[in-house]
Amino acid sequence: MKRFGFSTTAPFIRRTDSVSSIMADVLFALLPCCVMAWVAFGSRPVLVILVSCGSAVLAEFLFTRLYAGKTDAVADGSSLVTGTLLACTLAPFTPLYAAAFGGAMAVLFGKLLYGGLGRNRFNPALVGREFMTAFFPAVMASGAIWYDRNAVNFSSLDVLPDAFLNTLVFNGGGAIGEYSVLFLVLGGIYLLLRKRIGWHIPLALTATFTLLFLAVSNGGYQFSLAGVLLGAIYMATDMPTSATTRAGQLYYGAMIGAVAVLCIALGVRHAYMSYAILLLNGFAVPVNWVFRTRVWGETLNLPSRLAQAVALTAAIAGAALGVIWLHAQGWIAYLVLFYIAWSVGHFLYRQYKPDAVAV
């Protein structure tokens, strides 16, 4: 209904923000890192990004068209963000068929089977990466996907007086999204200024990771600074899969950092951030419960909350040790297969009992 030329339909609070504008900001923040991948190795990593994004968009279009009759589901740009984030975790010479598989699986098993945008339980990009590792283990473990002498376009920077500062601006090694610590940080600052992410999770994660790594490192452990920042800024802050309260976010980020260091200390060389983030994704609901805000008019039972926090921390530590043991045994693929069965069962349950509460 309109009166005097103005709409009076509820709700009356309007915002110019939209999902597509949020996704556009994330893509804009990641663009410099993608450009640095082109600077390092030319068109090859760009193709990996494009294939990953294309398969993610195609998978979402086909699935939503088939099961929901929608043709505009890809318009929000979320599948593009998923594909880009996945590509940023991949080696620059990853076979294109593997990247296409990862992009499709990221959207299908990371988001769509759980109800679509905002209902995913785990970070879709990291889900896609774990699917690639499970289904293409030889490819993902190959050293050939990380370096090709004939494709080197630009390998190092030598314009600043200090070698370490040069590597912060550009370092031609690692995954596609890890070639510039500077651009990762600048992208994070941009997202903070745009209020797309908060500072609590990235700060708690990086601070805890740094302190614990320094405490346990004896010179034999290694990690990727850019990889930690990529996870802290762009992966761990995924809104549907992370904590919601400020206290919960600080705890959530700190536990990701702690689990990542635990993984490194116990022999996980490359997947430590992926394991840590996905593990805490699974604990986001209890984290939100333990660190829930006090209801107005009620008193805070601090001993009870502390006991709950201790129990939660113990459960996370136990789950982390379980994942590390599975990794050491080479059985992560079986965990992925279990996740596939669970996801399909969850989807079928929702299809046949649409009024039931999702579990």
Protein backbone atom coordinates (compact mmCIF):
# COMPACT_ATOMS: atom_id res chain seq x y z
CA MET A 1 0.00 0.00 0.00
CA LYS A 2 1.16 3.55 -0.72
CA ARG A 3 0.17 6.84 0.86
CA PHE A 4 1.28 10.22 -0.44
CA GLY A 5 3.58 8.47 -2.87
CA PHE A 6 5.54 6.58 -0.17
CA SER A 7 5.49 2.85 0.49
CA THR A 8 4.07 1.92 3.89
CA THR A 9 4.70 -1.82 3.72
CA ALA A 10 6.67 -3.35 6.58
CA PRO A 11 9.47 -3.52 7.52
CA PHE A 12 10.10 0.19 7.70
CA ILE A 13 13.83 -0.01 8.40
CA ARG A 14 15.60 0.00 5.04
CA ARG A 15 19.21 -0.76 4.21
CA THR A 16 21.02 -0.39 0.93
CA ASP A 17 23.19 -3.44 1.68
CA SER A 18 22.52 -6.68 -0.13
CA VAL A 19 24.12 -10.09 -0.39
CA SER A 20 25.48 -9.20 -3.81
CA SER A 21 27.15 -6.04 -2.50
CA ILE A 22 28.78 -7.98 0.35
CA MET A 23 30.07 -10.59 -2.08
CA ALA A 24 31.32 -7.86 -4.40
CA ASP A 25 33.35 -6.40 -1.52
CA VAL A 26 34.92 -9.78 -0.77
CA LEU A 27 35.83 -10.27 -4.43
CA PHE A 28 37.27 -6.76 -4.56
CA ALA A 29 39.38 -7.48 -1.46
CA LEU A 30 40.71 -10.69 -3.04
CA LEU A 31 41.37 -9.19 -6.47
CA PRO A 32 44.90 -7.86 -5.71
CA CYS A 33 45.96 -11.31 -4.46
CA CYS A 34 44.64 -12.88 -7.65
CA VAL A 35 46.53 -10.29 -9.69
CA MET A 36 49.73 -11.21 -7.85
CA ALA A 37 49.18 -14.83 -8.87
CA TRP A 38 49.13 -13.66 -12.50
CA VAL A 39 52.29 -11.63 -11.86
CA ALA A 40 54.01 -14.74 -10.50
CA PHE A 41 52.98 -17.39 -13.02
CA GLY A 42 51.03 -15.73 -15.79
CA SER A 43 47.78 -17.16 -17.06
CA ARG A 44 47.96 -20.63 -15.47
CA PRO A 45 46.75 -19.71 -11.95
CA VAL A 46 44.20 -17.36 -13.52
CA LEU A 47 42.76 -20.34 -15.38
CA VAL A 48 42.53 -22.26 -12.10
CA ILE A 49 40.57 -19.37 -10.59
CA LEU A 50 38.26 -19.08 -13.59
CA VAL A 51 37.58 -22.82 -13.76
CA SER A 52 36.94 -23.04 -10.02
CA CYS A 53 34.52 -20.10 -10.18
CA GLY A 54 32.85 -21.35 -13.35
CA SER A 55 32.18 -24.82 -11.97
CA ALA A 56 30.87 -23.34 -8.69
CA VAL A 57 28.45 -21.07 -10.56
CA LEU A 58 27.35 -23.85 -12.91
CA ALA A 59 26.76 -26.29 -10.04
CA GLU A 60 24.63 -23.77 -8.18
CA PHE A 61 22.65 -22.87 -11.30
CA LEU A 62 21.91 -26.46 -12.24
CA PHE A 63 21.05 -27.59 -8.70
CA THR A 64 18.74 -24.68 -7.90
CA ARG A 65 17.11 -24.94 -11.32
CA LEU A 66 16.47 -28.64 -10.85
CA TYR A 67 15.28 -28.69 -7.24
CA ALA A 68 13.88 -25.21 -6.68
CA GLY A 69 12.96 -24.03 -10.17
CA LYS A 70 15.05 -20.90 -9.72
CA THR A 71 17.16 -19.39 -12.45
CA ASP A 72 18.51 -16.35 -10.57
CA ALA A 73 20.19 -18.09 -7.61
CA VAL A 74 23.68 -17.28 -8.89
CA ALA A 75 22.94 -13.56 -9.06
CA ASP A 76 24.01 -12.93 -5.44
CA GLY A 77 27.62 -13.76 -6.28
CA SER A 78 28.15 -16.17 -3.40
CA SER A 79 29.24 -19.00 -5.69
CA LEU A 80 31.83 -16.70 -7.26
CA VAL A 81 33.23 -15.96 -3.81
CA THR A 82 33.30 -19.67 -2.99
CA GLY A 83 35.12 -20.48 -6.21
CA THR A 84 37.63 -17.67 -5.72
CA LEU A 85 38.37 -18.62 -2.11
CA LEU A 86 38.81 -22.24 -3.09
CA ALA A 87 41.22 -21.28 -5.87
CA CYS A 88 43.20 -19.14 -3.43
CA THR A 89 43.96 -22.29 -1.41
CA LEU A 90 45.13 -24.29 -4.43
CA ALA A 91 48.54 -24.69 -6.03
CA PRO A 92 49.03 -22.58 -9.18
CA PHE A 93 49.38 -25.62 -11.47
CA THR A 94 46.50 -27.65 -10.10
CA PRO A 95 44.92 -29.62 -12.98
CA LEU A 96 41.86 -27.82 -14.24
CA TYR A 97 39.64 -30.89 -13.96
CA ALA A 98 40.49 -31.11 -10.24
CA ALA A 99 39.73 -27.40 -9.77
CA ALA A 100 36.41 -27.86 -11.56
CA PHE A 101 35.55 -30.80 -9.31
CA GLY A 102 36.47 -28.82 -6.21
CA GLY A 103 34.37 -25.81 -7.20
CA ALA A 104 31.30 -27.94 -7.83
CA MET A 105 31.70 -29.95 -4.62
CA ALA A 106 32.29 -26.79 -2.60
CA VAL A 107 28.92 -25.38 -3.62
CA LEU A 108 27.01 -28.67 -3.61
CA PHE A 109 28.24 -30.23 -0.36
CA GLY A 110 29.29 -27.03 1.33
CA LYS A 111 26.09 -25.05 0.84
CA LEU A 112 23.25 -26.30 -1.34
CA LEU A 113 22.51 -29.61 0.37
CA TYR A 114 22.08 -27.71 3.64
CA GLY A 115 19.52 -25.28 2.30
CA GLY A 116 21.56 -22.70 0.43
CA LEU A 117 23.12 -19.38 1.31
CA GLY A 118 23.44 -18.74 5.04
CA ARG A 119 22.53 -22.29 6.09
CA ASN A 120 25.88 -23.99 5.51
CA ARG A 121 27.51 -25.67 8.50
CA PHE A 122 31.08 -25.63 7.15
CA ASN A 123 33.10 -23.21 5.05
CA PRO A 124 32.22 -24.21 1.45
CA ALA A 125 35.62 -23.38 -0.05
CA LEU A 126 37.45 -25.55 2.48
CA VAL A 127 34.91 -28.34 2.00
CA GLY A 128 35.72 -28.25 -1.72
CA ARG A 129 39.44 -28.43 -1.01
CA GLU A 130 39.05 -31.45 1.25
CA PHE A 131 36.98 -33.17 -1.43
CA MET A 132 39.81 -32.59 -3.89
CA THR A 133 42.33 -34.05 -1.44
CA ALA A 134 40.12 -37.09 -0.82
CA PHE A 135 39.30 -37.85 -4.46
CA PHE A 136 42.58 -36.77 -6.08
CA PRO A 137 45.18 -37.62 -3.42
CA ALA A 138 48.06 -38.21 -5.82
CA VAL A 139 47.40 -34.97 -7.69
CA MET A 140 47.05 -32.84 -4.57
CA ALA A 141 50.21 -34.33 -3.02
CA SER A 142 52.31 -33.88 -6.16
CA GLY A 143 55.10 -31.35 -6.10
CA ALA A 144 54.53 -30.67 -9.80
CA ILE A 145 51.40 -28.62 -9.09
CA TRP A 146 53.37 -26.07 -7.08
CA TYR A 147 56.08 -25.00 -9.48
CA ASP A 148 56.88 -24.91 -13.18
CA ARG A 149 60.12 -23.23 -14.22
CA ASN A 150 58.84 -22.52 -17.72
CA ALA A 151 55.82 -20.63 -16.38
CA VAL A 152 57.66 -18.31 -14.01
CA ASN A 153 56.70 -14.76 -14.90
CA PHE A 154 58.12 -12.95 -11.88
CA SER A 155 59.74 -14.76 -8.95
CA SER A 156 60.86 -12.14 -6.45
CA LEU A 157 60.79 -8.48 -5.53
CA ASP A 158 63.92 -6.44 -4.87
CA VAL A 159 62.84 -2.82 -4.49
CA LEU A 160 62.85 -2.45 -0.70
CA PRO A 161 65.99 -2.27 1.44
CA ASP A 162 65.10 -5.36 3.48
CA ALA A 163 64.63 -8.85 2.04
CA PHE A 164 61.89 -9.73 4.53
CA LEU A 165 59.89 -6.62 3.60
CA ASN A 166 60.19 -7.60 -0.06
CA THR A 167 58.67 -11.01 0.68
CA LEU A 168 55.76 -9.37 2.51
CA VAL A 169 54.90 -7.46 -0.65
CA PHE A 170 55.51 -10.36 -3.04
CA ASN A 171 56.66 -13.93 -2.57
CA GLY A 172 56.34 -16.24 -5.56
CA GLY A 173 55.64 -19.41 -3.62
CA GLY A 174 52.70 -21.15 -2.00
CA ALA A 175 49.04 -21.27 -2.93
CA ILE A 176 47.43 -18.89 -5.40
CA GLY A 177 46.15 -16.54 -2.71
CA GLU A 178 49.38 -16.46 -0.72
CA TYR A 179 51.74 -14.41 -2.87
CA SER A 180 51.34 -11.12 -1.01
CA VAL A 181 50.95 -10.72 2.74
CA LEU A 182 50.56 -6.98 2.18
CA PHE A 183 47.55 -7.34 -0.12
CA LEU A 184 45.94 -9.92 2.17
CA VAL A 185 46.15 -7.46 5.05
CA LEU A 186 44.99 -4.51 2.95
CA GLY A 187 42.04 -6.57 1.75
CA GLY A 188 41.21 -7.40 5.35
CA ILE A 189 41.37 -3.73 6.33
CA TYR A 190 39.04 -2.92 3.47
CA LEU A 191 36.53 -5.53 4.67
CA LEU A 192 36.80 -4.14 8.21
CA LEU A 193 36.14 -0.60 7.02
CA ARG A 194 33.19 -1.84 4.99
CA LYS A 195 31.99 -3.73 8.10
CA ARG A 196 31.90 -7.04 6.25
CA ILE A 197 33.98 -8.73 8.95
CA GLY A 198 34.85 -7.98 12.56
CA TRP A 199 38.32 -7.77 14.08
CA HIS A 200 37.69 -10.28 16.85
CA ILE A 201 38.25 -13.58 15.02
CA PRO A 202 41.29 -12.54 12.91
CA LEU A 203 43.03 -10.89 15.87
CA ALA A 204 42.37 -13.73 18.30
CA LEU A 205 43.40 -16.33 15.72
CA THR A 206 46.66 -14.71 14.65
CA ALA A 207 47.64 -13.70 18.20
CA THR A 208 47.00 -17.17 19.63
CA PHE A 209 48.70 -18.86 16.70
CA THR A 210 51.78 -16.64 17.02
CA LEU A 211 52.15 -17.03 20.78
CA LEU A 212 51.63 -20.79 20.80
CA PHE A 213 53.87 -21.34 17.78
CA LEU A 214 56.68 -19.41 19.44
CA ALA A 215 56.13 -21.42 22.62
CA VAL A 216 56.31 -24.87 21.00
CA SER A 217 58.58 -24.24 18.02
CA ASN A 218 62.11 -25.58 18.29
CA GLY A 219 63.15 -24.46 14.84
CA GLY A 220 61.82 -27.58 13.17
CA TYR A 221 58.29 -26.36 12.49
CA GLN A 222 57.28 -24.30 9.49
CA PHE A 223 54.13 -22.46 8.47
CA SER A 224 52.94 -20.04 5.83
CA LEU A 225 52.27 -16.56 7.19
CA ALA A 226 50.16 -15.72 4.15
CA GLY A 227 48.24 -18.97 4.57
CA VAL A 228 47.43 -18.15 8.20
CA LEU A 229 46.26 -14.66 7.22
CA LEU A 230 44.18 -16.01 4.34
CA GLY A 231 42.45 -18.34 6.77
CA ALA A 232 42.08 -15.78 9.55
CA ILE A 233 40.70 -12.94 7.42
CA TYR A 234 38.74 -14.63 4.64
CA MET A 235 37.86 -18.14 5.84
CA ALA A 236 37.34 -18.09 9.58
CA THR A 237 35.11 -15.00 9.36
CA ASP A 238 32.50 -16.70 7.18
CA MET A 239 29.29 -15.50 8.84
CA PRO A 240 27.10 -18.64 8.76
CA THR A 241 29.84 -20.91 10.12
CA SER A 242 31.45 -18.75 12.81
CA ALA A 243 30.55 -17.50 16.27
CA THR A 244 28.18 -14.57 16.63
CA THR A 245 28.83 -12.90 20.01
CA ARG A 246 32.00 -10.89 20.59
CA ALA A 247 33.21 -13.13 23.41
CA GLY A 248 32.37 -16.16 21.31
CA GLN A 249 34.28 -14.77 18.36
CA LEU A 250 37.39 -14.18 20.45
CA TYR A 251 37.21 -17.73 21.79
CA TYR A 252 36.42 -19.14 18.36
CA GLY A 253 39.39 -17.41 16.72
CA ALA A 254 41.72 -18.36 19.56
CA MET A 255 40.74 -22.01 19.34
CA ILE A 256 41.33 -22.06 15.57
CA GLY A 257 44.82 -20.70 16.19
CA ALA A 258 45.44 -23.24 18.95
CA VAL A 259 44.20 -26.19 16.88
CA ALA A 260 46.31 -25.07 13.90
CA VAL A 261 49.46 -25.02 16.06
CA LEU A 262 48.53 -28.41 17.52
CA CYS A 263 48.22 -29.77 13.98
CA ILE A 264 51.64 -28.41 13.01
CA ALA A 265 53.27 -29.76 16.16
CA LEU A 266 51.83 -33.24 15.50
CA GLY A 267 52.93 -33.50 11.91
CA VAL A 268 50.24 -31.92 9.71
CA ARG A 269 52.30 -30.01 7.16
CA HIS A 270 49.87 -28.33 4.77
CA ALA A 271 46.25 -28.74 5.87
CA TYR A 272 46.56 -27.33 9.40
CA MET A 273 44.48 -24.20 8.77
CA SER A 274 41.86 -26.11 6.80
CA TYR A 275 41.47 -28.69 9.56
CA ALA A 276 41.37 -26.06 12.29
CA ILE A 277 38.73 -23.90 10.64
CA LEU A 278 36.51 -26.80 9.60
CA LEU A 279 36.75 -28.32 13.07
CA LEU A 280 35.68 -25.08 14.75
CA ASN A 281 32.91 -24.68 12.16
CA GLY A 282 31.51 -27.87 13.64
CA PHE A 283 31.62 -26.37 17.13
CA ALA A 284 30.13 -22.97 16.23
CA VAL A 285 26.73 -23.77 17.76
CA PRO A 286 28.06 -24.84 21.19
CA VAL A 287 30.47 -21.88 21.14
CA ASN A 288 27.51 -19.57 20.62
CA TRP A 289 25.67 -21.29 23.47
CA VAL A 290 28.50 -21.14 25.98
CA PHE A 291 29.30 -17.51 25.14
CA ARG A 292 25.70 -16.35 24.77
CA THR A 293 24.86 -12.91 26.10
CA ARG A 294 23.21 -12.63 29.48
CA VAL A 295 19.45 -12.31 29.30
CA TRP A 296 18.27 -9.00 30.72
CA GLY A 297 16.98 -9.45 34.25
CA GLU A 298 18.90 -12.66 34.89
CA THR A 299 22.16 -13.04 36.80
CA LEU A 300 25.20 -14.58 35.16
CA ASN A 301 26.20 -17.91 36.68
CA LEU A 302 29.94 -17.48 36.14
CA PRO A 303 31.09 -20.85 37.60
CA SER A 304 28.61 -22.67 35.37
CA ARG A 305 29.76 -20.76 32.29
CA LEU A 306 33.41 -21.47 33.12
CA ALA A 307 32.67 -25.16 33.53
CA GLN A 308 30.89 -25.17 30.17
CA ALA A 309 33.85 -23.39 28.54
CA VAL A 310 36.31 -25.91 30.00
CA ALA A 311 34.18 -28.83 28.80
CA LEU A 312 33.89 -27.25 25.34
CA THR A 313 37.64 -26.71 25.14
CA ALA A 314 38.24 -30.32 26.12
CA ALA A 315 35.79 -31.51 23.45
CA ILE A 316 37.51 -29.39 20.79
CA ALA A 317 40.93 -30.67 21.84
CA GLY A 318 39.70 -34.26 21.70
CA ALA A 319 38.15 -33.76 18.27
CA ALA A 320 41.35 -32.11 17.03
CA LEU A 321 43.45 -35.05 18.20
CA GLY A 322 41.01 -37.38 16.45
CA VAL A 323 41.33 -35.50 13.16
CA ILE A 324 45.13 -35.45 13.46
CA TRP A 325 45.13 -39.20 14.09
CA LEU A 326 42.95 -39.78 11.03
CA HIS A 327 45.34 -37.62 9.00
CA ALA A 328 48.34 -39.61 10.23
CA GLN A 329 46.62 -42.86 9.26
CA GLY A 330 45.67 -41.49 5.83
CA TRP A 331 41.98 -41.89 6.64
CA ILE A 332 40.69 -38.35 6.08
CA ALA A 333 39.09 -39.62 2.87
CA TYR A 334 36.84 -41.85 4.97
CA LEU A 335 35.80 -38.83 6.99
CA VAL A 336 34.90 -37.08 3.73
CA LEU A 337 32.84 -40.11 2.68
CA PHE A 338 31.01 -40.02 6.00
CA TYR A 339 30.34 -36.32 5.44
CA ILE A 340 28.93 -37.08 1.98
CA ALA A 341 26.54 -39.66 3.44
CA TRP A 342 25.52 -37.28 6.23
CA SER A 343 24.94 -34.39 3.80
CA VAL A 344 22.83 -36.46 1.42
CA GLY A 345 20.82 -37.87 4.32
CA HIS A 346 20.27 -34.38 5.69
CA PHE A 347 19.09 -33.17 2.30
CA LEU A 348 16.69 -36.09 1.83
CA TYR A 349 15.31 -35.60 5.33
CA ARG A 350 14.58 -31.96 4.57
CA GLN A 351 13.02 -32.89 1.23
CA TYR A 352 10.58 -35.44 2.65
CA LYS A 353 9.94 -33.68 5.97
CA PRO A 354 10.05 -29.97 5.11
CA ASP A 355 8.33 -28.97 8.33
CA ALA A 356 10.84 -30.77 10.53
CA VAL A 357 13.56 -28.90 12.34
CA ALA A 358 16.86 -29.29 10.54
CA VAL A 359 19.57 -31.09 12.46
